[in-house]
């Protein structure tokens, strides 16, 4: 399982660990990923996603999963999230 957020595409970054003696060693900064169940208001179903804590705050700020996916770019989303977005768009068009 890759360490990439399914909604924002945020992944590991690299940088340096700098000691007190100013020695520089390479390290990885991993995103804070959590397994979360998010509920779609349009579909009335819960979806299990592996998203970062920052993405969870953004989902709450934008007003839920449906609003977040409507505003997000398709390139950033995982295949599972893109499938959910298409289902929501289909349901909203039918209603």
PDB file of N, CA and C in Angstrom:
ATOM      1  N   UNK A   1       0.842  -1.181   0.000  1.00  0.00           N
ATOM      2  CA  UNK A   1       0.000   0.000   0.000  1.00  0.00           C
ATOM      3  C   UNK A   1       0.885   1.242   0.000  1.00  0.00           C
ATOM      4  N   UNK A   2       0.659   2.101  -0.967  1.00  0.00           N
ATOM      5  CA  UNK A   2       1.502   3.288  -1.071  1.00  0.00           C
ATOM      6  C   UNK A   2       1.102   4.338  -0.052  1.00  0.00           C
ATOM      7  N   UNK A   3       2.041   5.171   0.306  1.00  0.00           N
ATOM      8  CA  UNK A   3       1.798   6.220   1.295  1.00  0.00           C
ATOM      9  C   UNK A   3       1.383   7.507   0.595  1.00  0.00           C
ATOM     10  N   UNK A   4       0.231   7.464  -0.070  1.00  0.00           N
ATOM     11  CA  UNK A   4      -0.278   8.613  -0.807  1.00  0.00           C
ATOM     12  C   UNK A   4      -1.732   8.832  -0.410  1.00  0.00           C
ATOM     13  N   UNK A   5      -2.084  10.086  -0.160  1.00  0.00           N
ATOM     14  CA  UNK A   5      -3.462  10.448   0.174  1.00  0.00           C
ATOM     15  C   UNK A   5      -4.339  10.234  -1.053  1.00  0.00           C
ATOM     16  N   UNK A   6      -5.505   9.597  -0.874  1.00  0.00           N
ATOM     17  CA  UNK A   6      -6.379   9.293  -1.997  1.00  0.00           C
ATOM     18  C   UNK A   6      -7.123  10.515  -2.519  1.00  0.00           C
ATOM     19  N   UNK A   7      -7.267  11.542  -1.712  1.00  0.00           N
ATOM     20  CA  UNK A   7      -8.015  12.724  -2.137  1.00  0.00           C
ATOM     21  C   UNK A   7      -7.131  13.861  -2.637  1.00  0.00           C
ATOM     22  N   UNK A   8      -5.994  14.075  -2.004  1.00  0.00           N
ATOM     23  CA  UNK A   8      -5.154  15.210  -2.388  1.00  0.00           C
ATOM     24  C   UNK A   8      -3.910  14.805  -3.170  1.00  0.00           C
ATOM     25  N   UNK A   9      -3.541  13.530  -3.139  1.00  0.00           N
ATOM     26  CA  UNK A   9      -2.341  13.082  -3.827  1.00  0.00           C
ATOM     27  C   UNK A   9      -1.061  13.396  -3.075  1.00  0.00           C
ATOM     28  N   UNK A  10      -1.193  13.842  -1.827  1.00  0.00           N
ATOM     29  CA  UNK A  10      -0.019  14.175  -1.025  1.00  0.00           C
ATOM     30  C   UNK A  10       0.750  12.896  -0.693  1.00  0.00           C
ATOM     31  N   UNK A  11       2.064  12.909  -0.935  1.00  0.00           N
ATOM     32  CA  UNK A  11       2.899  11.740  -0.707  1.00  0.00           C
ATOM     33  C   UNK A  11       4.134  12.077   0.095  1.00  0.00           C
ATOM     34  N   UNK A  12       5.059  11.131   0.223  1.00  0.00           N
ATOM     35  CA  UNK A  12       6.280  11.375   0.982  1.00  0.00           C
ATOM     36  C   UNK A  12       7.145  12.456   0.349  1.00  0.00           C
ATOM     37  N   UNK A  13       7.796  13.239   1.210  1.00  0.00           N
ATOM     38  CA  UNK A  13       8.763  14.238   0.760  1.00  0.00           C
ATOM     39  C   UNK A  13      10.116  13.863   1.338  1.00  0.00           C
ATOM     40  N   UNK A  14      11.183  14.398   0.766  1.00  0.00           N
ATOM     41  CA  UNK A  14      12.504  14.110   1.299  1.00  0.00           C
ATOM     42  C   UNK A  14      13.159  15.398   1.769  1.00  0.00           C
ATOM     43  N   UNK A  15      14.073  15.236   2.708  1.00  0.00           N
ATOM     44  CA  UNK A  15      14.781  16.380   3.252  1.00  0.00           C
ATOM     45  C   UNK A  15      15.980  15.912   4.048  1.00  0.00           C
ATOM     46  N   UNK A  16      16.465  16.766   4.913  1.00  0.00           N
ATOM     47  CA  UNK A  16      17.635  16.448   5.715  1.00  0.00           C
ATOM     48  C   UNK A  16      17.293  16.450   7.197  1.00  0.00           C
ATOM     49  N   UNK A  17      17.913  15.512   7.931  1.00  0.00           N
ATOM     50  CA  UNK A  17      17.947  15.580   9.381  1.00  0.00           C
ATOM     51  C   UNK A  17      19.240  16.292   9.728  1.00  0.00           C
ATOM     52  N   UNK A  18      19.149  17.373  10.468  1.00  0.00           N
ATOM     53  CA  UNK A  18      20.340  18.154  10.793  1.00  0.00           C
ATOM     54  C   UNK A  18      20.626  18.011  12.282  1.00  0.00           C
ATOM     55  N   UNK A  19      21.787  17.475  12.603  1.00  0.00           N
ATOM     56  CA  UNK A  19      22.154  17.240  13.996  1.00  0.00           C
ATOM     57  C   UNK A  19      22.668  18.538  14.635  1.00  0.00           C
ATOM     58  N   UNK A  20      22.941  18.451  15.928  1.00  0.00           N
ATOM     59  CA  UNK A  20      23.475  19.593  16.670  1.00  0.00           C
ATOM     60  C   UNK A  20      24.846  20.010  16.115  1.00  0.00           C
ATOM     61  N   UNK A  21      25.587  19.018  15.604  1.00  0.00           N
ATOM     62  CA  UNK A  21      26.903  19.286  15.011  1.00  0.00           C
ATOM     63  C   UNK A  21      26.793  19.680  13.535  1.00  0.00           C
ATOM     64  N   UNK A  22      25.570  19.928  13.075  1.00  0.00           N
ATOM     65  CA  UNK A  22      25.274  20.360  11.714  1.00  0.00           C
ATOM     66  C   UNK A  22      25.597  19.290  10.670  1.00  0.00           C
ATOM     67  N   UNK A  23      25.553  17.991  11.074  1.00  0.00           N
ATOM     68  CA  UNK A  23      25.676  16.896  10.119  1.00  0.00           C
ATOM     69  C   UNK A  23      24.332  16.724   9.425  1.00  0.00           C
ATOM     70  N   UNK A  24      24.364  16.541   8.123  1.00  0.00           N
ATOM     71  CA  UNK A  24      23.128  16.417   7.355  1.00  0.00           C
ATOM     72  C   UNK A  24      22.980  14.995   6.835  1.00  0.00           C
ATOM     73  N   UNK A  25      21.848  14.374   7.156  1.00  0.00           N
ATOM     74  CA  UNK A  25      21.536  13.025   6.723  1.00  0.00           C
ATOM     75  C   UNK A  25      20.169  13.043   6.048  1.00  0.00           C
ATOM     76  N   UNK A  26      20.043  12.308   4.961  1.00  0.00           N
ATOM     77  CA  UNK A  26      18.774  12.293   4.232  1.00  0.00           C
ATOM     78  C   UNK A  26      17.699  11.578   5.043  1.00  0.00           C
ATOM     79  N   UNK A  27      16.456  12.057   4.919  1.00  0.00           N
ATOM     80  CA  UNK A  27      15.330  11.439   5.598  1.00  0.00           C
ATOM     81  C   UNK A  27      14.077  11.638   4.771  1.00  0.00           C
ATOM     82  N   UNK A  28      13.002  10.962   5.158  1.00  0.00           N
ATOM     83  CA  UNK A  28      11.715  11.089   4.473  1.00  0.00           C
ATOM     84  C   UNK A  28      10.689  11.668   5.435  1.00  0.00           C
ATOM     85  N   UNK A  29       9.883  12.569   4.921  1.00  0.00           N
ATOM     86  CA  UNK A  29       8.751  13.113   5.665  1.00  0.00           C
ATOM     87  C   UNK A  29       7.501  12.422   5.121  1.00  0.00           C
ATOM     88  N   UNK A  30       6.850  11.603   5.947  1.00  0.00           N
ATOM     89  CA  UNK A  30       5.689  10.844   5.506  1.00  0.00           C
ATOM     90  C   UNK A  30       4.407  11.604   5.847  1.00  0.00           C
ATOM     91  N   UNK A  31       3.387  11.536   4.992  1.00  0.00           N
ATOM     92  CA  UNK A  31       2.126  12.208   5.298  1.00  0.00           C
ATOM     93  C   UNK A  31       1.392  11.475   6.425  1.00  0.00           C
ATOM     94  N   UNK A  32       0.587  12.208   7.172  1.00  0.00           N
ATOM     95  CA  UNK A  32      -0.180  11.649   8.285  1.00  0.00           C
ATOM     96  C   UNK A  32      -1.460  11.034   7.725  1.00  0.00           C
ATOM     97  N   UNK A  33      -1.372   9.755   7.330  1.00  0.00           N
ATOM     98  CA  UNK A  33      -2.502   9.080   6.694  1.00  0.00           C
ATOM     99  C   UNK A  33      -3.354   8.341   7.711  1.00  0.00           C
ATOM    100  N   UNK A  34      -4.675   8.383   7.507  1.00  0.00           N
ATOM    101  CA  UNK A  34      -5.639   7.710   8.379  1.00  0.00           C
ATOM    102  C   UNK A  34      -6.680   7.005   7.530  1.00  0.00           C
ATOM    103  N   UNK A  35      -7.120   5.809   7.989  1.00  0.00           N
ATOM    104  CA  UNK A  35      -8.230   5.095   7.346  1.00  0.00           C
ATOM    105  C   UNK A  35      -9.508   5.716   7.875  1.00  0.00           C
ATOM    106  N   UNK A  36     -10.272   6.353   6.999  1.00  0.00           N
ATOM    107  CA  UNK A  36     -11.465   7.086   7.411  1.00  0.00           C
ATOM    108  C   UNK A  36     -12.650   6.627   6.575  1.00  0.00           C
ATOM    109  N   UNK A  37     -13.823   6.534   7.195  1.00  0.00           N
ATOM    110  CA  UNK A  37     -15.066   6.303   6.474  1.00  0.00           C
ATOM    111  C   UNK A  37     -15.756   7.637   6.292  1.00  0.00           C
ATOM    112  N   UNK A  38     -15.929   8.045   5.046  1.00  0.00           N
ATOM    113  CA  UNK A  38     -16.615   9.291   4.736  1.00  0.00           C
ATOM    114  C   UNK A  38     -17.954   8.957   4.092  1.00  0.00           C
ATOM    115  N   UNK A  39     -18.992   9.708   4.459  1.00  0.00           N
ATOM    116  CA  UNK A  39     -20.342   9.447   3.978  1.00  0.00           C
ATOM    117  C   UNK A  39     -20.702  10.452   2.890  1.00  0.00           C
ATOM    118  N   UNK A  40     -21.216   9.943   1.792  1.00  0.00           N
ATOM    119  CA  UNK A  40     -21.697  10.792   0.703  1.00  0.00           C
ATOM    120  C   UNK A  40     -23.166  11.119   0.970  1.00  0.00           C
ATOM    121  N   UNK A  41     -23.496  12.410   0.967  1.00  0.00           N
ATOM    122  CA  UNK A  41     -24.878  12.824   1.205  1.00  0.00           C
ATOM    123  C   UNK A  41     -25.765  12.446   0.024  1.00  0.00           C
ATOM    124  N   UNK A  42     -25.257  12.557  -1.175  1.00  0.00           N
ATOM    125  CA  UNK A  42     -26.038  12.265  -2.373  1.00  0.00           C
ATOM    126  C   UNK A  42     -26.348  10.779  -2.497  1.00  0.00           C
ATOM    127  N   UNK A  43     -25.329   9.939  -2.289  1.00  0.00           N
ATOM    128  CA  UNK A  43     -25.500   8.496  -2.453  1.00  0.00           C
ATOM    129  C   UNK A  43     -26.017   7.819  -1.192  1.00  0.00           C
ATOM    130  N   UNK A  44     -25.780   8.435  -0.034  1.00  0.00           N
ATOM    131  CA  UNK A  44     -26.211   7.837   1.228  1.00  0.00           C
ATOM    132  C   UNK A  44     -25.396   6.623   1.626  1.00  0.00           C
ATOM    133  N   UNK A  45     -24.176   6.532   1.128  1.00  0.00           N
ATOM    134  CA  UNK A  45     -23.300   5.403   1.445  1.00  0.00           C
ATOM    135  C   UNK A  45     -22.014   5.908   2.073  1.00  0.00           C
ATOM    136  N   UNK A  46     -21.357   5.022   2.829  1.00  0.00           N
ATOM    137  CA  UNK A  46     -20.064   5.342   3.427  1.00  0.00           C
ATOM    138  C   UNK A  46     -18.962   4.719   2.581  1.00  0.00           C
ATOM    139  N   UNK A  47     -17.873   5.468   2.413  1.00  0.00           N
ATOM    140  CA  UNK A  47     -16.733   4.994   1.636  1.00  0.00           C
ATOM    141  C   UNK A  47     -15.501   5.027   2.514  1.00  0.00           C
ATOM    142  N   UNK A  48     -14.726   3.934   2.496  1.00  0.00           N
ATOM    143  CA  UNK A  48     -13.494   3.839   3.276  1.00  0.00           C
ATOM    144  C   UNK A  48     -12.346   4.357   2.427  1.00  0.00           C
ATOM    145  N   UNK A  49     -11.682   5.415   2.906  1.00  0.00           N
ATOM    146  CA  UNK A  49     -10.580   6.028   2.180  1.00  0.00           C
ATOM    147  C   UNK A  49      -9.381   6.200   3.098  1.00  0.00           C
ATOM    148  N   UNK A  50      -8.191   6.208   2.511  1.00  0.00           N
ATOM    149  CA  UNK A  50      -6.951   6.455   3.258  1.00  0.00           C
ATOM    150  C   UNK A  50      -6.495   7.856   2.906  1.00  0.00           C
ATOM    151  N   UNK A  51      -6.802   8.812   3.803  1.00  0.00           N
ATOM    152  CA  UNK A  51      -6.533  10.217   3.504  1.00  0.00           C
ATOM    153  C   UNK A  51      -5.679  10.836   4.594  1.00  0.00           C
ATOM    154  N   UNK A  52      -5.054  11.963   4.267  1.00  0.00           N
ATOM    155  CA  UNK A  52      -4.221  12.672   5.233  1.00  0.00           C
ATOM    156  C   UNK A  52      -5.104  13.472   6.184  1.00  0.00           C
ATOM    157  N   UNK A  53      -4.551  13.846   7.317  1.00  0.00           N
ATOM    158  CA  UNK A  53      -5.282  14.645   8.297  1.00  0.00           C
ATOM    159  C   UNK A  53      -5.628  16.015   7.716  1.00  0.00           C
ATOM    160  N   UNK A  54      -4.743  16.565   6.898  1.00  0.00           N
ATOM    161  CA  UNK A  54      -5.013  17.857   6.256  1.00  0.00           C
ATOM    162  C   UNK A  54      -6.187  17.737   5.290  1.00  0.00           C
ATOM    163  N   UNK A  55      -6.280  16.625   4.563  1.00  0.00           N
ATOM    164  CA  UNK A  55      -7.392  16.420   3.637  1.00  0.00           C
ATOM    165  C   UNK A  55      -8.703  16.274   4.400  1.00  0.00           C
ATOM    166  N   UNK A  56      -8.667  15.635   5.556  1.00  0.00           N
ATOM    167  CA  UNK A  56      -9.878  15.485   6.374  1.00  0.00           C
ATOM    168  C   UNK A  56     -10.388  16.846   6.829  1.00  0.00           C
ATOM    169  N   UNK A  57      -9.485  17.736   7.226  1.00  0.00           N
ATOM    170  CA  UNK A  57      -9.884  19.091   7.616  1.00  0.00           C
ATOM    171  C   UNK A  57     -10.466  19.838   6.421  1.00  0.00           C
ATOM    172  N   UNK A  58      -9.895  19.643   5.243  1.00  0.00           N
ATOM    173  CA  UNK A  58     -10.383  20.314   4.041  1.00  0.00           C
ATOM    174  C   UNK A  58     -11.769  19.802   3.661  1.00  0.00           C
ATOM    175  N   UNK A  59     -12.000  18.495   3.806  1.00  0.00           N
ATOM    176  CA  UNK A  59     -13.318  17.920   3.519  1.00  0.00           C
ATOM    177  C   UNK A  59     -14.361  18.545   4.448  1.00  0.00           C
ATOM    178  N   UNK A  60     -14.042  18.671   5.721  1.00  0.00           N
ATOM    179  CA  UNK A  60     -14.965  19.297   6.674  1.00  0.00           C
ATOM    180  C   UNK A  60     -15.194  20.763   6.329  1.00  0.00           C
ATOM    181  N   UNK A  61     -14.139  21.456   5.932  1.00  0.00           N
ATOM    182  CA  UNK A  61     -14.233  22.887   5.618  1.00  0.00           C
ATOM    183  C   UNK A  61     -15.105  23.134   4.380  1.00  0.00           C
ATOM    184  N   UNK A  62     -14.976  22.280   3.388  1.00  0.00           N
ATOM    185  CA  UNK A  62     -15.743  22.460   2.145  1.00  0.00           C
ATOM    186  C   UNK A  62     -17.178  21.972   2.253  1.00  0.00           C
ATOM    187  N   UNK A  63     -17.527  21.276   3.330  1.00  0.00           N
ATOM    188  CA  UNK A  63     -18.915  20.882   3.523  1.00  0.00           C
ATOM    189  C   UNK A  63     -19.231  19.440   3.187  1.00  0.00           C
ATOM    190  N   UNK A  64     -18.267  18.555   3.292  1.00  0.00           N
ATOM    191  CA  UNK A  64     -18.523  17.133   3.084  1.00  0.00           C
ATOM    192  C   UNK A  64     -17.811  16.576   1.871  1.00  0.00           C
ATOM    193  N   UNK A  65     -17.945  15.266   1.724  1.00  0.00           N
ATOM    194  CA  UNK A  65     -17.249  14.546   0.657  1.00  0.00           C
ATOM    195  C   UNK A  65     -17.736  14.982  -0.723  1.00  0.00           C
ATOM    196  N   UNK A  66     -19.041  15.161  -0.885  1.00  0.00           N
ATOM    197  CA  UNK A  66     -19.586  15.529  -2.200  1.00  0.00           C
ATOM    198  C   UNK A  66     -19.041  16.871  -2.681  1.00  0.00           C
ATOM    199  N   UNK A  67     -19.035  17.861  -1.801  1.00  0.00           N
ATOM    200  CA  UNK A  67     -18.539  19.191  -2.175  1.00  0.00           C
ATOM    201  C   UNK A  67     -17.041  19.155  -2.449  1.00  0.00           C
ATOM    202  N   UNK A  68     -16.289  18.380  -1.657  1.00  0.00           N
ATOM    203  CA  UNK A  68     -14.846  18.280  -1.868  1.00  0.00           C
ATOM    204  C   UNK A  68     -14.541  17.682  -3.238  1.00  0.00           C
ATOM    205  N   UNK A  69     -15.210  16.575  -3.571  1.00  0.00           N
ATOM    206  CA  UNK A  69     -14.934  15.908  -4.845  1.00  0.00           C
ATOM    207  C   UNK A  69     -15.381  16.753  -6.030  1.00  0.00           C
ATOM    208  N   UNK A  70     -16.436  17.549  -5.855  1.00  0.00           N
ATOM    209  CA  UNK A  70     -16.908  18.408  -6.947  1.00  0.00           C
ATOM    210  C   UNK A  70     -15.875  19.471  -7.296  1.00  0.00           C
ATOM    211  N   UNK A  71     -15.156  19.985  -6.282  1.00  0.00           N
ATOM    212  CA  UNK A  71     -14.173  21.041  -6.511  1.00  0.00           C
ATOM    213  C   UNK A  71     -12.780  20.520  -6.848  1.00  0.00           C
ATOM    214  N   UNK A  72     -12.522  19.241  -6.588  1.00  0.00           N
ATOM    215  CA  UNK A  72     -11.163  18.725  -6.759  1.00  0.00           C
ATOM    216  C   UNK A  72     -10.871  18.378  -8.213  1.00  0.00           C
ATOM    217  N   UNK A  73      -9.588  18.387  -8.564  1.00  0.00           N
ATOM    218  CA  UNK A  73      -9.134  18.044  -9.916  1.00  0.00           C
ATOM    219  C   UNK A  73      -9.026  16.531 -10.044  1.00  0.00           C
ATOM    220  N   UNK A  74      -9.323  16.018 -11.224  1.00  0.00           N
ATOM    221  CA  UNK A  74      -9.294  14.578 -11.446  1.00  0.00           C
ATOM    222  C   UNK A  74      -7.886  14.004 -11.352  1.00  0.00           C
ATOM    223  N   UNK A  75      -6.859  14.804 -11.684  1.00  0.00           N
ATOM    224  CA  UNK A  75      -5.481  14.312 -11.665  1.00  0.00           C
ATOM    225  C   UNK A  75      -5.000  14.000 -10.249  1.00  0.00           C
ATOM    226  N   UNK A  76      -5.531  14.719  -9.256  1.00  0.00           N
ATOM    227  CA  UNK A  76      -5.088  14.525  -7.870  1.00  0.00           C
ATOM    228  C   UNK A  76      -5.740  13.310  -7.217  1.00  0.00           C
ATOM    229  N   UNK A  77      -6.910  12.909  -7.691  1.00  0.00           N
ATOM    230  CA  UNK A  77      -7.671  11.845  -7.046  1.00  0.00           C
ATOM    231  C   UNK A  77      -7.151  10.466  -7.430  1.00  0.00           C
ATOM    232  N   UNK A  78      -7.313   9.514  -6.497  1.00  0.00           N
ATOM    233  CA  UNK A  78      -6.982   8.126  -6.794  1.00  0.00           C
ATOM    234  C   UNK A  78      -8.101   7.536  -7.652  1.00  0.00           C
ATOM    235  N   UNK A  79      -7.900   6.322  -8.140  1.00  0.00           N
ATOM    236  CA  UNK A  79      -8.922   5.695  -8.976  1.00  0.00           C
ATOM    237  C   UNK A  79     -10.203   5.436  -8.196  1.00  0.00           C
ATOM    238  N   UNK A  80     -10.078   5.069  -6.906  1.00  0.00           N
ATOM    239  CA  UNK A  80     -11.264   4.830  -6.077  1.00  0.00           C
ATOM    240  C   UNK A  80     -12.041   6.126  -5.853  1.00  0.00           C
ATOM    241  N   UNK A  81     -11.328   7.212  -5.563  1.00  0.00           N
ATOM    242  CA  UNK A  81     -11.981   8.497  -5.339  1.00  0.00           C
ATOM    243  C   UNK A  81     -12.596   9.030  -6.630  1.00  0.00           C
ATOM    244  N   UNK A  82     -11.953   8.786  -7.756  1.00  0.00           N
ATOM    245  CA  UNK A  82     -12.486   9.220  -9.045  1.00  0.00           C
ATOM    246  C   UNK A  82     -13.777   8.462  -9.374  1.00  0.00           C
ATOM    247  N   UNK A  83     -13.814   7.197  -9.018  1.00  0.00           N
ATOM    248  CA  UNK A  83     -15.013   6.389  -9.228  1.00  0.00           C
ATOM    249  C   UNK A  83     -16.171   6.917  -8.378  1.00  0.00           C
ATOM    250  N   UNK A  84     -15.885   7.285  -7.137  1.00  0.00           N
ATOM    251  CA  UNK A  84     -16.904   7.854  -6.250  1.00  0.00           C
ATOM    252  C   UNK A  84     -17.401   9.177  -6.820  1.00  0.00           C
ATOM    253  N   UNK A  85     -16.488   9.996  -7.334  1.00  0.00           N
ATOM    254  CA  UNK A  85     -16.862  11.289  -7.918  1.00  0.00           C
ATOM    255  C   UNK A  85     -17.815  11.089  -9.095  1.00  0.00           C
ATOM    256  N   UNK A  86     -17.515  10.123  -9.955  1.00  0.00           N
ATOM    257  CA  UNK A  86     -18.377   9.841 -11.113  1.00  0.00           C
ATOM    258  C   UNK A  86     -19.761   9.373 -10.670  1.00  0.00           C
ATOM    259  N   UNK A  87     -19.829   8.516  -9.626  1.00  0.00           N
ATOM    260  CA  UNK A  87     -21.112   8.045  -9.105  1.00  0.00           C
ATOM    261  C   UNK A  87     -21.949   9.204  -8.578  1.00  0.00           C
ATOM    262  N   UNK A  88     -21.301  10.128  -7.858  1.00  0.00           N
ATOM    263  CA  UNK A  88     -22.004  11.289  -7.298  1.00  0.00           C
ATOM    264  C   UNK A  88     -22.527  12.182  -8.416  1.00  0.00           C
ATOM    265  N   UNK A  89     -21.691  12.430  -9.441  1.00  0.00           N
ATOM    266  CA  UNK A  89     -22.127  13.245 -10.578  1.00  0.00           C
ATOM    267  C   UNK A  89     -23.310  12.619 -11.301  1.00  0.00           C
ATOM    268  N   UNK A  90     -23.301  11.275 -11.463  1.00  0.00           N
ATOM    269  CA  UNK A  90     -24.394  10.579 -12.112  1.00  0.00           C
ATOM    270  C   UNK A  90     -25.689  10.701 -11.305  1.00  0.00           C
ATOM    271  N   UNK A  91     -25.570  10.528  -9.986  1.00  0.00           N
ATOM    272  CA  UNK A  91     -26.741  10.606  -9.113  1.00  0.00           C
ATOM    273  C   UNK A  91     -27.328  12.016  -9.094  1.00  0.00           C
ATOM    274  N   UNK A  92     -26.454  13.036  -9.107  1.00  0.00           N
ATOM    275  CA  UNK A  92     -26.936  14.421  -9.097  1.00  0.00           C
ATOM    276  C   UNK A  92     -27.588  14.779 -10.428  1.00  0.00           C
ATOM    277  N   UNK A  93     -27.084  14.231 -11.541  1.00  0.00           N
ATOM    278  CA  UNK A  93     -27.677  14.500 -12.847  1.00  0.00           C
ATOM    279  C   UNK A  93     -29.044  13.838 -12.971  1.00  0.00           C
ATOM    280  N   UNK A  94     -29.189  12.662 -12.369  1.00  0.00           N
ATOM    281  CA  UNK A  94     -30.467  11.945 -12.427  1.00  0.00           C
ATOM    282  C   UNK A  94     -31.532  12.593 -11.552  1.00  0.00           C
ATOM    283  N   UNK A  95     -31.105  13.256 -10.489  1.00  0.00           N
ATOM    284  CA  UNK A  95     -32.081  13.854  -9.551  1.00  0.00           C
ATOM    285  C   UNK A  95     -32.606  15.190 -10.027  1.00  0.00           C
TER     286      UNK A  95
END
